[in-house]
Amino acid sequence: MSVEDEIRYGRTCSLVLNKSVAVLRRVVKHSYTTQGAPSFEVFLNNNKHTLFHLLFKQCCCGNKSTVTPLSKYQWKLLYVQTSTRNPHGQRGECPCQYTAISGVTPDVMDVSLCCLVLSNIYPGVSMPDIDTIRDVRNKLIHASNASLDAMLYLATWNKVEAAMLNLAQGVSSTFRSDTINAVEDLKNRLMDSSELSELKALVMDEKRISEGERRISEIEKVSEYI
């Protein structure tokens, strides 16, 4: 593994974890404001039931989910519990027991959570582009080696950049131009050792959260049969 391979890996991580997440957050904001929600908090309360069923398999309304892609960690970034008792007097959790955190903004969301919200609330947004960013993010944080050779770097970079620009265009042509400038700046500027260390720490944080969520999910699945 050469120094150049490490730099290419770090640069790509920055593209995905720093630059693409900014685009995804902007797309979320654009989506809810164009539909009349004055704030992210209002948007979350309007879509609480949909997101609720991405975490809880069953609730008092009788709906059951076999797939729960939203983690408790992610849910707690968005919502706070206002009551421990089901207001309908029934068993199971209820969306009515939760409300969006006061003053919450899209900035609390990482790539994974942004993609989850967009794919479930706004399916009209380009899903191939969202899937591209999410898949590359997952490959980067779970990579066995923090390196990319020149060929893989170029292919990965071009794929993510194209996805980002497609999503940015859906917001405005001005935002797309701003995104192009941000991507070019990242691509051409030097990266020192301190910045690479910060990026590695960011990747480790993402990986630690992801692994923690996976373990919790496995424990909960086992507990269902006890």
Protein backbone atom coordinates (compact mmCIF):
# COMPACT_ATOMS: atom_id res chain seq x y z
CA MET A 1 0.00 0.00 0.00
CA SER A 2 1.60 3.24 -1.17
CA VAL A 3 1.17 6.74 0.21
CA GLU A 4 -0.58 7.68 -3.03
CA ASP A 5 -3.10 4.88 -2.52
CA GLU A 6 -3.82 6.15 1.00
CA ILE A 7 -4.30 9.69 -0.27
CA ARG A 8 -6.69 8.50 -2.99
CA TYR A 9 -8.68 6.60 -0.36
CA GLY A 10 -8.78 9.64 1.93
CA ARG A 11 -9.81 11.95 -0.88
CA THR A 12 -12.63 9.63 -1.88
CA CYS A 13 -13.79 9.34 1.74
CA SER A 14 -13.92 13.12 1.93
CA LEU A 15 -15.94 13.24 -1.29
CA VAL A 16 -18.52 10.82 0.09
CA LEU A 17 -18.62 11.60 3.82
CA ASN A 18 -18.21 15.38 3.55
CA LYS A 19 -19.24 16.56 0.09
CA SER A 20 -21.95 14.11 -0.93
CA VAL A 21 -23.67 14.33 2.44
CA ALA A 22 -23.93 18.10 1.96
CA VAL A 23 -25.71 17.46 -1.35
CA LEU A 24 -28.03 14.87 0.18
CA ARG A 25 -28.98 17.19 3.04
CA ARG A 26 -29.72 19.95 0.56
CA VAL A 27 -31.89 17.60 -1.49
CA VAL A 28 -33.84 16.68 1.65
CA LYS A 29 -34.36 20.36 2.47
CA HIS A 30 -35.36 21.18 -1.09
CA SER A 31 -37.84 18.30 -1.11
CA TYR A 32 -39.67 19.26 2.07
CA THR A 33 -39.69 23.01 1.41
CA THR A 34 -41.14 22.57 -2.08
CA GLN A 35 -43.96 20.56 -0.49
CA GLY A 36 -44.76 23.32 1.97
CA ALA A 37 -43.06 22.21 5.20
CA PRO A 38 -41.54 25.31 6.85
CA SER A 39 -38.87 23.35 8.73
CA PHE A 40 -37.22 19.95 9.05
CA GLU A 41 -38.95 19.55 12.40
CA VAL A 42 -42.37 19.96 10.79
CA PHE A 43 -41.38 17.60 7.98
CA LEU A 44 -40.38 14.91 10.50
CA ASN A 45 -43.64 15.22 12.41
CA ASN A 46 -45.61 15.05 9.14
CA ASN A 47 -43.81 11.82 8.19
CA LYS A 48 -43.44 10.34 11.65
CA HIS A 49 -45.64 7.34 10.94
CA THR A 50 -43.68 6.31 7.83
CA LEU A 51 -40.31 6.56 9.55
CA PHE A 52 -41.69 4.90 12.69
CA HIS A 53 -42.38 1.72 10.74
CA LEU A 54 -38.80 1.66 9.50
CA LEU A 55 -37.74 1.03 13.11
CA PHE A 56 -40.58 -0.72 14.93
CA LYS A 57 -41.80 -4.02 13.51
CA GLN A 58 -45.26 -3.75 15.02
CA CYS A 59 -47.30 -1.03 16.66
CA CYS A 60 -50.80 -0.32 17.88
CA CYS A 61 -52.13 0.44 14.40
CA GLY A 62 -51.65 -3.22 13.48
CA ASN A 63 -49.10 -2.66 10.74
CA LYS A 64 -46.23 -5.11 10.71
CA SER A 65 -42.82 -4.71 9.10
CA THR A 66 -40.45 -7.52 8.26
CA VAL A 67 -37.60 -5.14 7.40
CA THR A 68 -36.52 -2.38 9.77
CA PRO A 69 -33.62 -0.47 8.17
CA LEU A 70 -33.78 2.48 10.59
CA SER A 71 -31.71 2.02 13.75
CA LYS A 72 -32.55 3.28 17.23
CA TYR A 73 -29.44 5.46 17.08
CA GLN A 74 -30.72 7.14 13.91
CA TRP A 75 -34.26 7.46 15.29
CA LYS A 76 -32.96 9.25 18.39
CA LEU A 77 -31.19 11.81 16.19
CA LEU A 78 -34.60 12.85 14.90
CA TYR A 79 -37.22 12.13 17.57
CA VAL A 80 -37.68 12.30 21.32
CA GLN A 81 -40.10 10.20 23.36
CA THR A 82 -42.81 12.28 25.01
CA SER A 83 -44.70 9.46 26.74
CA THR A 84 -43.86 5.95 27.93
CA ARG A 85 -47.49 4.87 27.74
CA ASN A 86 -49.40 4.08 24.60
CA PRO A 87 -52.07 6.84 24.40
CA HIS A 88 -54.53 4.38 22.85
CA GLY A 89 -54.28 1.94 25.74
CA GLN A 90 -53.03 -0.83 23.48
CA ARG A 91 -49.90 -2.94 23.48
CA GLY A 92 -46.94 -1.97 21.37
CA GLU A 93 -45.23 1.27 20.52
CA CYS A 94 -47.15 4.11 18.91
CA PRO A 95 -45.94 7.06 16.81
CA CYS A 96 -48.01 9.29 19.09
CA GLN A 97 -45.45 8.67 21.84
CA TYR A 98 -42.78 10.55 19.89
CA THR A 99 -42.21 14.00 18.43
CA ALA A 100 -39.45 15.54 16.36
CA ILE A 101 -36.62 17.10 18.36
CA SER A 102 -37.17 20.84 18.70
CA GLY A 103 -35.04 22.79 16.23
CA VAL A 104 -33.63 19.67 14.55
CA THR A 105 -32.04 20.27 11.12
CA PRO A 106 -30.87 18.02 8.26
CA ASP A 107 -27.31 18.56 9.49
CA VAL A 108 -27.75 15.76 12.06
CA MET A 109 -28.03 13.20 9.26
CA ASP A 110 -25.13 11.26 7.80
CA VAL A 111 -25.06 9.67 4.33
CA SER A 112 -26.88 6.54 5.48
CA LEU A 113 -29.75 8.39 7.18
CA CYS A 114 -30.14 10.89 4.33
CA CYS A 115 -30.45 8.05 1.83
CA LEU A 116 -32.95 6.26 4.04
CA VAL A 117 -35.17 9.33 4.39
CA LEU A 118 -35.06 10.16 0.69
CA SER A 119 -35.72 6.63 -0.52
CA ASN A 120 -38.72 6.15 1.79
CA ILE A 121 -40.31 9.62 1.78
CA TYR A 122 -39.38 10.92 -1.65
CA PRO A 123 -39.16 7.93 -4.03
CA GLY A 124 -39.32 10.38 -6.95
CA VAL A 125 -35.76 11.47 -6.20
CA SER A 126 -33.25 9.62 -8.41
CA MET A 127 -32.85 6.29 -6.62
CA PRO A 128 -29.91 5.06 -8.74
CA ASP A 129 -27.88 8.10 -7.63
CA ILE A 130 -28.84 7.63 -3.98
CA ASP A 131 -27.96 3.93 -4.20
CA THR A 132 -24.59 4.76 -5.77
CA ILE A 133 -23.59 7.09 -2.94
CA ARG A 134 -24.87 4.71 -0.26
CA ASP A 135 -23.09 1.70 -1.78
CA VAL A 136 -19.77 3.52 -2.13
CA ARG A 137 -20.05 4.80 1.43
CA ASN A 138 -20.58 1.26 2.72
CA LYS A 139 -17.64 -0.10 0.74
CA LEU A 140 -15.33 2.64 1.99
CA ILE A 141 -16.09 2.28 5.69
CA HIS A 142 -15.94 -1.51 5.56
CA ALA A 143 -12.83 -1.73 3.37
CA SER A 144 -10.12 -4.01 4.74
CA ASN A 145 -7.41 -1.62 3.52
CA ALA A 146 -7.53 2.18 3.62
CA SER A 147 -6.26 2.49 0.07
CA LEU A 148 -7.41 2.81 -3.54
CA ASP A 149 -5.29 2.17 -6.61
CA ALA A 150 -5.40 4.69 -9.45
CA MET A 151 -7.88 2.77 -11.61
CA LEU A 152 -10.37 2.04 -8.84
CA TYR A 153 -10.05 5.58 -7.52
CA LEU A 154 -10.91 7.12 -10.89
CA ALA A 155 -13.88 4.82 -11.45
CA THR A 156 -15.24 5.39 -7.94
CA TRP A 157 -14.71 9.15 -8.05
CA ASN A 158 -16.42 9.56 -11.43
CA LYS A 159 -19.37 7.44 -10.31
CA VAL A 160 -19.93 9.40 -7.09
CA GLU A 161 -19.39 12.76 -8.77
CA ALA A 162 -21.97 11.97 -11.46
CA ALA A 163 -24.50 10.93 -8.81
CA MET A 164 -23.88 14.10 -6.81
CA LEU A 165 -24.31 16.35 -9.84
CA ASN A 166 -27.53 14.62 -10.90
CA LEU A 167 -28.99 15.15 -7.43
CA ALA A 168 -27.73 18.73 -7.25
CA GLN A 169 -29.36 19.55 -10.58
CA GLY A 170 -32.69 18.56 -9.06
CA VAL A 171 -32.25 21.42 -6.58
CA SER A 172 -31.06 24.11 -9.01
CA SER A 173 -28.50 24.75 -11.74
CA THR A 174 -26.74 27.16 -9.38
CA PHE A 175 -26.38 24.48 -6.73
CA ARG A 176 -25.04 22.10 -9.37
CA SER A 177 -22.39 24.66 -10.33
CA ASP A 178 -21.47 25.13 -6.67
CA THR A 179 -21.17 21.36 -6.30
CA ILE A 180 -18.88 21.13 -9.34
CA ASN A 181 -16.61 23.76 -7.80
CA ALA A 182 -16.53 21.98 -4.45
CA VAL A 183 -15.69 18.64 -6.08
CA GLU A 184 -12.95 20.14 -8.25
CA ASP A 185 -11.43 21.91 -5.26
CA LEU A 186 -11.27 18.65 -3.32
CA LYS A 187 -9.89 16.76 -6.30
CA ASN A 188 -7.03 19.16 -6.98
CA ARG A 189 -5.87 20.40 -3.59
CA LEU A 190 -3.14 18.81 -1.53
CA MET A 191 -4.03 16.67 1.47
CA ASP A 192 -1.65 16.71 4.41
CA SER A 193 -1.16 14.00 7.02
CA SER A 194 -3.34 15.74 9.62
CA GLU A 195 -6.30 15.86 7.24
CA LEU A 196 -5.82 12.20 6.36
CA SER A 197 -5.79 11.35 10.07
CA GLU A 198 -9.04 13.26 10.58
CA LEU A 199 -10.65 11.42 7.68
CA LYS A 200 -9.54 8.05 9.04
CA ALA A 201 -11.07 8.97 12.40
CA LEU A 202 -14.31 9.93 10.64
CA VAL A 203 -14.36 6.60 8.82
CA MET A 204 -13.75 4.73 12.08
CA ASP A 205 -16.62 6.62 13.75
CA GLU A 206 -18.96 5.67 10.90
CA LYS A 207 -17.79 2.07 11.05
CA ARG A 208 -18.16 1.90 14.84
CA ILE A 209 -21.72 3.22 14.65
CA SER A 210 -22.57 0.84 11.82
CA GLU A 211 -21.15 -2.18 13.66
CA GLY A 212 -22.92 -1.17 16.86
CA GLU A 213 -26.24 -0.92 15.05
CA ARG A 214 -25.69 -4.35 13.49
CA ARG A 215 -24.98 -5.97 16.87
CA ILE A 216 -28.04 -4.38 18.47
CA SER A 217 -30.17 -5.60 15.57
CA GLU A 218 -28.85 -9.15 16.00
CA ILE A 219 -29.57 -9.08 19.74
CA GLU A 220 -33.11 -7.85 19.13
CA LYS A 221 -33.73 -10.61 16.57
CA VAL A 222 -32.58 -13.25 19.07
CA SER A 223 -34.74 -11.76 21.84
CA GLU A 224 -37.84 -12.21 19.68
CA TYR A 225 -37.50 -15.96 20.03
CA ILE A 226 -36.82 -16.00 23.79
